Amino acid sequence: MRECTMEQNKEKCNCTYEPCSRKGICCECLRYHWRAGELPACFFPDDVERTYDHSLQRFIETYQKRGRR
């Protein structure tokens, strides 16, 4: 199993929730959001991510309207 490259992950992370303890630790972030019925910030365009609506419904709506970017 590969080691987490936390600093590299942080460089690419578009999460705007600053006190997040999982930033850069993608496996923990995915697990946390999936348990809440959500997807992490990196699944969303920046303008949608800033709404903090990371629901599966918002993901589907966003990509039905915009397509893949």
PDB file of N, CA and C in Angstrom:
ATOM      1  N   MET A   1       0.835  -1.179   0.000  1.00  0.00           N
ATOM      2  CA  MET A   1       0.000   0.000   0.000  1.00  0.00           C
ATOM      3  C   MET A   1       0.886   1.251   0.000  1.00  0.00           C
ATOM      4  N   ARG A   2       0.506   2.231  -0.770  1.00  0.00           N
ATOM      5  CA  ARG A   2       1.293   3.462  -0.843  1.00  0.00           C
ATOM      6  C   ARG A   2       1.085   4.307   0.396  1.00  0.00           C
ATOM      7  N   GLU A   3       2.111   5.046   0.741  1.00  0.00           N
ATOM      8  CA  GLU A   3       1.988   5.988   1.845  1.00  0.00           C
ATOM      9  C   GLU A   3       1.255   7.228   1.365  1.00  0.00           C
ATOM     10  N   CYS A   4       0.550   7.860   2.240  1.00  0.00           N
ATOM     11  CA  CYS A   4      -0.179   9.078   1.914  1.00  0.00           C
ATOM     12  C   CYS A   4       0.821  10.215   1.667  1.00  0.00           C
ATOM     13  N   THR A   5       0.646  10.915   0.598  1.00  0.00           N
ATOM     14  CA  THR A   5       1.497  12.065   0.277  1.00  0.00           C
ATOM     15  C   THR A   5       0.734  13.330   0.657  1.00  0.00           C
ATOM     16  N   MET A   6       0.612  13.538   1.935  1.00  0.00           N
ATOM     17  CA  MET A   6      -0.236  14.581   2.493  1.00  0.00           C
ATOM     18  C   MET A   6       0.072  15.973   1.957  1.00  0.00           C
ATOM     19  N   GLU A   7       1.316  16.348   1.896  1.00  0.00           N
ATOM     20  CA  GLU A   7       1.660  17.695   1.428  1.00  0.00           C
ATOM     21  C   GLU A   7       1.287  17.881  -0.039  1.00  0.00           C
ATOM     22  N   GLN A   8       1.535  16.875  -0.861  1.00  0.00           N
ATOM     23  CA  GLN A   8       1.137  16.948  -2.273  1.00  0.00           C
ATOM     24  C   GLN A   8      -0.379  16.997  -2.392  1.00  0.00           C
ATOM     25  N   ASN A   9      -1.066  16.232  -1.595  1.00  0.00           N
ATOM     26  CA  ASN A   9      -2.527  16.228  -1.610  1.00  0.00           C
ATOM     27  C   ASN A   9      -3.074  17.601  -1.230  1.00  0.00           C
ATOM     28  N   LYS A  10      -2.486  18.232  -0.235  1.00  0.00           N
ATOM     29  CA  LYS A  10      -2.943  19.551   0.207  1.00  0.00           C
ATOM     30  C   LYS A  10      -2.816  20.588  -0.899  1.00  0.00           C
ATOM     31  N   GLU A  11      -1.763  20.480  -1.711  1.00  0.00           N
ATOM     32  CA  GLU A  11      -1.551  21.424  -2.804  1.00  0.00           C
ATOM     33  C   GLU A  11      -2.698  21.390  -3.817  1.00  0.00           C
ATOM     34  N   LYS A  12      -3.300  20.226  -3.992  1.00  0.00           N
ATOM     35  CA  LYS A  12      -4.364  20.049  -4.976  1.00  0.00           C
ATOM     36  C   LYS A  12      -5.760  20.104  -4.360  1.00  0.00           C
ATOM     37  N   CYS A  13      -5.843  20.160  -3.057  1.00  0.00           N
ATOM     38  CA  CYS A  13      -7.125  20.107  -2.353  1.00  0.00           C
ATOM     39  C   CYS A  13      -7.846  21.451  -2.461  1.00  0.00           C
ATOM     40  N   ASN A  14      -9.088  21.421  -2.912  1.00  0.00           N
ATOM     41  CA  ASN A  14      -9.864  22.652  -3.034  1.00  0.00           C
ATOM     42  C   ASN A  14     -10.845  22.848  -1.869  1.00  0.00           C
ATOM     43  N   CYS A  15     -10.679  22.115  -0.801  1.00  0.00           N
ATOM     44  CA  CYS A  15     -11.540  22.248   0.371  1.00  0.00           C
ATOM     45  C   CYS A  15     -11.333  23.619   1.017  1.00  0.00           C
ATOM     46  N   THR A  16     -12.423  24.336   1.215  1.00  0.00           N
ATOM     47  CA  THR A  16     -12.336  25.667   1.821  1.00  0.00           C
ATOM     48  C   THR A  16     -12.637  25.658   3.313  1.00  0.00           C
ATOM     49  N   TYR A  17     -12.909  24.489   3.883  1.00  0.00           N
ATOM     50  CA  TYR A  17     -13.173  24.389   5.314  1.00  0.00           C
ATOM     51  C   TYR A  17     -11.829  24.329   6.040  1.00  0.00           C
ATOM     52  N   GLU A  18     -11.377  25.474   6.534  1.00  0.00           N
ATOM     53  CA  GLU A  18     -10.023  25.596   7.081  1.00  0.00           C
ATOM     54  C   GLU A  18      -9.733  24.776   8.336  1.00  0.00           C
ATOM     55  N   PRO A  19     -10.640  24.601   9.269  1.00  0.00           N
ATOM     56  CA  PRO A  19     -10.243  23.802  10.429  1.00  0.00           C
ATOM     57  C   PRO A  19     -10.286  22.288  10.189  1.00  0.00           C
ATOM     58  N   CYS A  20     -10.398  21.869   8.934  1.00  0.00           N
ATOM     59  CA  CYS A  20     -10.524  20.439   8.635  1.00  0.00           C
ATOM     60  C   CYS A  20      -9.255  19.677   9.032  1.00  0.00           C
ATOM     61  N   SER A  21      -9.425  18.666   9.850  1.00  0.00           N
ATOM     62  CA  SER A  21      -8.281  17.855  10.306  1.00  0.00           C
ATOM     63  C   SER A  21      -7.922  16.772   9.293  1.00  0.00           C
ATOM     64  N   ARG A  22      -8.754  16.575   8.266  1.00  0.00           N
ATOM     65  CA  ARG A  22      -8.511  15.525   7.270  1.00  0.00           C
ATOM     66  C   ARG A  22      -7.897  16.057   5.982  1.00  0.00           C
ATOM     67  N   LYS A  23      -7.676  17.362   5.889  1.00  0.00           N
ATOM     68  CA  LYS A  23      -7.137  17.951   4.667  1.00  0.00           C
ATOM     69  C   LYS A  23      -5.796  17.317   4.310  1.00  0.00           C
ATOM     70  N   GLY A  24      -5.722  16.802   3.084  1.00  0.00           N
ATOM     71  CA  GLY A  24      -4.507  16.148   2.632  1.00  0.00           C
ATOM     72  C   GLY A  24      -4.453  14.663   2.938  1.00  0.00           C
ATOM     73  N   ILE A  25      -5.377  14.169   3.727  1.00  0.00           N
ATOM     74  CA  ILE A  25      -5.435  12.744   4.058  1.00  0.00           C
ATOM     75  C   ILE A  25      -6.680  12.184   3.370  1.00  0.00           C
ATOM     76  N   CYS A  26      -6.530  11.926   2.088  1.00  0.00           N
ATOM     77  CA  CYS A  26      -7.679  11.613   1.232  1.00  0.00           C
ATOM     78  C   CYS A  26      -8.489  10.415   1.714  1.00  0.00           C
ATOM     79  N   CYS A  27      -7.828   9.370   2.187  1.00  0.00           N
ATOM     80  CA  CYS A  27      -8.563   8.179   2.629  1.00  0.00           C
ATOM     81  C   CYS A  27      -9.487   8.509   3.798  1.00  0.00           C
ATOM     82  N   GLU A  28      -9.042   9.337   4.726  1.00  0.00           N
ATOM     83  CA  GLU A  28      -9.884   9.734   5.857  1.00  0.00           C
ATOM     84  C   GLU A  28     -11.004  10.663   5.402  1.00  0.00           C
ATOM     85  N   CYS A  29     -10.680  11.562   4.489  1.00  0.00           N
ATOM     86  CA  CYS A  29     -11.670  12.501   3.960  1.00  0.00           C
ATOM     87  C   CYS A  29     -12.807  11.751   3.250  1.00  0.00           C
ATOM     88  N   LEU A  30     -12.432  10.831   2.381  1.00  0.00           N
ATOM     89  CA  LEU A  30     -13.445  10.036   1.669  1.00  0.00           C
ATOM     90  C   LEU A  30     -14.336   9.267   2.640  1.00  0.00           C
ATOM     91  N   ARG A  31     -13.710   8.622   3.609  1.00  0.00           N
ATOM     92  CA  ARG A  31     -14.461   7.836   4.592  1.00  0.00           C
ATOM     93  C   ARG A  31     -15.428   8.727   5.375  1.00  0.00           C
ATOM     94  N   TYR A  32     -14.946   9.875   5.817  1.00  0.00           N
ATOM     95  CA  TYR A  32     -15.768  10.807   6.589  1.00  0.00           C
ATOM     96  C   TYR A  32     -16.993  11.267   5.792  1.00  0.00           C
ATOM     97  N   HIS A  33     -16.761  11.735   4.581  1.00  0.00           N
ATOM     98  CA  HIS A  33     -17.869  12.255   3.776  1.00  0.00           C
ATOM     99  C   HIS A  33     -18.826  11.158   3.338  1.00  0.00           C
ATOM    100  N   TRP A  34     -18.293   9.994   2.991  1.00  0.00           N
ATOM    101  CA  TRP A  34     -19.164   8.908   2.548  1.00  0.00           C
ATOM    102  C   TRP A  34     -20.099   8.465   3.674  1.00  0.00           C
ATOM    103  N   ARG A  35     -19.593   8.424   4.885  1.00  0.00           N
ATOM    104  CA  ARG A  35     -20.451   8.067   6.040  1.00  0.00           C
ATOM    105  C   ARG A  35     -21.580   9.068   6.221  1.00  0.00           C
ATOM    106  N   ALA A  36     -21.344  10.314   5.822  1.00  0.00           N
ATOM    107  CA  ALA A  36     -22.364  11.366   5.930  1.00  0.00           C
ATOM    108  C   ALA A  36     -23.245  11.442   4.681  1.00  0.00           C
ATOM    109  N   GLY A  37     -23.048  10.523   3.734  1.00  0.00           N
ATOM    110  CA  GLY A  37     -23.820  10.541   2.500  1.00  0.00           C
ATOM    111  C   GLY A  37     -23.387  11.655   1.558  1.00  0.00           C
ATOM    112  N   GLU A  38     -22.126  12.012   1.627  1.00  0.00           N
ATOM    113  CA  GLU A  38     -21.585  13.117   0.838  1.00  0.00           C
ATOM    114  C   GLU A  38     -20.360  12.655   0.050  1.00  0.00           C
ATOM    115  N   LEU A  39     -19.869  13.567  -0.775  1.00  0.00           N
ATOM    116  CA  LEU A  39     -18.593  13.396  -1.450  1.00  0.00           C
ATOM    117  C   LEU A  39     -17.683  14.528  -0.999  1.00  0.00           C
ATOM    118  N   PRO A  40     -16.368  14.328  -1.022  1.00  0.00           N
ATOM    119  CA  PRO A  40     -15.451  15.379  -0.587  1.00  0.00           C
ATOM    120  C   PRO A  40     -15.366  16.527  -1.598  1.00  0.00           C
ATOM    121  N   ALA A  41     -14.745  17.607  -1.176  1.00  0.00           N
ATOM    122  CA  ALA A  41     -14.626  18.834  -1.970  1.00  0.00           C
ATOM    123  C   ALA A  41     -14.054  18.587  -3.349  1.00  0.00           C
ATOM    124  N   CYS A  42     -13.087  17.702  -3.463  1.00  0.00           N
ATOM    125  CA  CYS A  42     -12.393  17.494  -4.738  1.00  0.00           C
ATOM    126  C   CYS A  42     -13.296  16.948  -5.837  1.00  0.00           C
ATOM    127  N   PHE A  43     -14.502  16.528  -5.499  1.00  0.00           N
ATOM    128  CA  PHE A  43     -15.450  16.054  -6.495  1.00  0.00           C
ATOM    129  C   PHE A  43     -16.260  17.191  -7.106  1.00  0.00           C
ATOM    130  N   PHE A  44     -16.087  18.395  -6.581  1.00  0.00           N
ATOM    131  CA  PHE A  44     -16.911  19.527  -6.991  1.00  0.00           C
ATOM    132  C   PHE A  44     -16.079  20.662  -7.570  1.00  0.00           C
ATOM    133  N   PRO A  45     -16.658  21.413  -8.520  1.00  0.00           N
ATOM    134  CA  PRO A  45     -15.993  22.639  -8.967  1.00  0.00           C
ATOM    135  C   PRO A  45     -15.898  23.609  -7.785  1.00  0.00           C
ATOM    136  N   ASP A  46     -14.936  24.509  -7.829  1.00  0.00           N
ATOM    137  CA  ASP A  46     -14.694  25.412  -6.699  1.00  0.00           C
ATOM    138  C   ASP A  46     -15.927  26.198  -6.269  1.00  0.00           C
ATOM    139  N   ASP A  47     -16.711  26.711  -7.207  1.00  0.00           N
ATOM    140  CA  ASP A  47     -17.873  27.522  -6.835  1.00  0.00           C
ATOM    141  C   ASP A  47     -18.942  26.703  -6.118  1.00  0.00           C
ATOM    142  N   VAL A  48     -19.073  25.439  -6.452  1.00  0.00           N
ATOM    143  CA  VAL A  48     -20.037  24.566  -5.771  1.00  0.00           C
ATOM    144  C   VAL A  48     -19.476  24.124  -4.425  1.00  0.00           C
ATOM    145  N   GLU A  49     -18.192  23.836  -4.385  1.00  0.00           N
ATOM    146  CA  GLU A  49     -17.566  23.413  -3.123  1.00  0.00           C
ATOM    147  C   GLU A  49     -17.773  24.454  -2.044  1.00  0.00           C
ATOM    148  N   ARG A  50     -17.673  25.721  -2.394  1.00  0.00           N
ATOM    149  CA  ARG A  50     -17.804  26.801  -1.395  1.00  0.00           C
ATOM    150  C   ARG A  50     -19.185  26.876  -0.757  1.00  0.00           C
ATOM    151  N   THR A  51     -20.179  26.203  -1.338  1.00  0.00           N
ATOM    152  CA  THR A  51     -21.523  26.194  -0.746  1.00  0.00           C
ATOM    153  C   THR A  51     -21.612  25.198   0.409  1.00  0.00           C
ATOM    154  N   TYR A  52     -20.618  24.333   0.532  1.00  0.00           N
ATOM    155  CA  TYR A  52     -20.586  23.246   1.522  1.00  0.00           C
ATOM    156  C   TYR A  52     -21.709  22.233   1.333  1.00  0.00           C
ATOM    157  N   ASP A  53     -22.393  22.274   0.192  1.00  0.00           N
ATOM    158  CA  ASP A  53     -23.380  21.240  -0.134  1.00  0.00           C
ATOM    159  C   ASP A  53     -22.646  20.174  -0.931  1.00  0.00           C
ATOM    160  N   HIS A  54     -22.198  19.146  -0.238  1.00  0.00           N
ATOM    161  CA  HIS A  54     -21.433  18.070  -0.854  1.00  0.00           C
ATOM    162  C   HIS A  54     -22.284  16.821  -1.011  1.00  0.00           C
ATOM    163  N   SER A  55     -23.579  17.012  -1.084  1.00  0.00           N
ATOM    164  CA  SER A  55     -24.487  15.874  -1.186  1.00  0.00           C
ATOM    165  C   SER A  55     -24.361  15.187  -2.540  1.00  0.00           C
ATOM    166  N   LEU A  56     -24.766  13.928  -2.574  1.00  0.00           N
ATOM    167  CA  LEU A  56     -24.755  13.188  -3.831  1.00  0.00           C
ATOM    168  C   LEU A  56     -25.696  13.847  -4.832  1.00  0.00           C
ATOM    169  N   GLN A  57     -26.815  14.346  -4.344  1.00  0.00           N
ATOM    170  CA  GLN A  57     -27.769  15.024  -5.224  1.00  0.00           C
ATOM    171  C   GLN A  57     -27.133  16.245  -5.881  1.00  0.00           C
ATOM    172  N   ARG A  58     -26.399  17.033  -5.118  1.00  0.00           N
ATOM    173  CA  ARG A  58     -25.736  18.218  -5.677  1.00  0.00           C
ATOM    174  C   ARG A  58     -24.677  17.817  -6.706  1.00  0.00           C
ATOM    175  N   PHE A  59     -23.977  16.739  -6.444  1.00  0.00           N
ATOM    176  CA  PHE A  59     -22.988  16.233  -7.391  1.00  0.00           C
ATOM    177  C   PHE A  59     -23.659  15.872  -8.720  1.00  0.00           C
ATOM    178  N   ILE A  60     -24.739  15.129  -8.632  1.00  0.00           N
ATOM    179  CA  ILE A  60     -25.458  14.709  -9.839  1.00  0.00           C
ATOM    180  C   ILE A  60     -25.989  15.921 -10.595  1.00  0.00           C
ATOM    181  N   GLU A  61     -26.626  16.834  -9.876  1.00  0.00           N
ATOM    182  CA  GLU A  61     -27.166  18.039 -10.512  1.00  0.00           C
ATOM    183  C   GLU A  61     -26.081  18.855 -11.189  1.00  0.00           C
ATOM    184  N   THR A  62     -24.967  19.018 -10.511  1.00  0.00           N
ATOM    185  CA  THR A  62     -23.868  19.813 -11.056  1.00  0.00           C
ATOM    186  C   THR A  62     -23.363  19.235 -12.367  1.00  0.00           C
ATOM    187  N   TYR A  63     -23.134  17.936 -12.399  1.00  0.00           N
ATOM    188  CA  TYR A  63     -22.551  17.331 -13.596  1.00  0.00           C
ATOM    189  C   TYR A  63     -23.584  17.060 -14.685  1.00  0.00           C
ATOM    190  N   GLN A  64     -24.857  17.022 -14.338  1.00  0.00           N
ATOM    191  CA  GLN A  64     -25.881  16.951 -15.381  1.00  0.00           C
ATOM    192  C   GLN A  64     -25.948  18.294 -16.118  1.00  0.00           C
ATOM    193  N   LYS A  65     -25.809  19.382 -15.371  1.00  0.00           N
ATOM    194  CA  LYS A  65     -25.854  20.724 -15.959  1.00  0.00           C
ATOM    195  C   LYS A  65     -24.572  21.086 -16.689  1.00  0.00           C
ATOM    196  N   ARG A  66     -23.432  20.786 -16.091  1.00  0.00           N
ATOM    197  CA  ARG A  66     -22.142  21.254 -16.609  1.00  0.00           C
ATOM    198  C   ARG A  66     -21.367  20.232 -17.409  1.00  0.00           C
ATOM    199  N   GLY A  67     -21.651  18.985 -17.161  1.00  0.00           N
ATOM    200  CA  GLY A  67     -20.833  17.950 -17.778  1.00  0.00           C
ATOM    201  C   GLY A  67     -19.506  17.835 -17.041  1.00  0.00           C
ATOM    202  N   ARG A  68     -18.671  16.988 -17.533  1.00  0.00           N
ATOM    203  CA  ARG A  68     -17.374  16.752 -16.895  1.00  0.00           C
ATOM    204  C   ARG A  68     -16.385  17.831 -17.340  1.00  0.00           C
ATOM    205  N   ARG A  69     -15.613  18.348 -16.425  1.00  0.00           N
ATOM    206  CA  ARG A  69     -14.607  19.369 -16.747  1.00  0.00           C
ATOM    207  C   ARG A  69     -13.237  18.895 -16.426  1.00  0.00           C
TER     208      ARG A  69
END
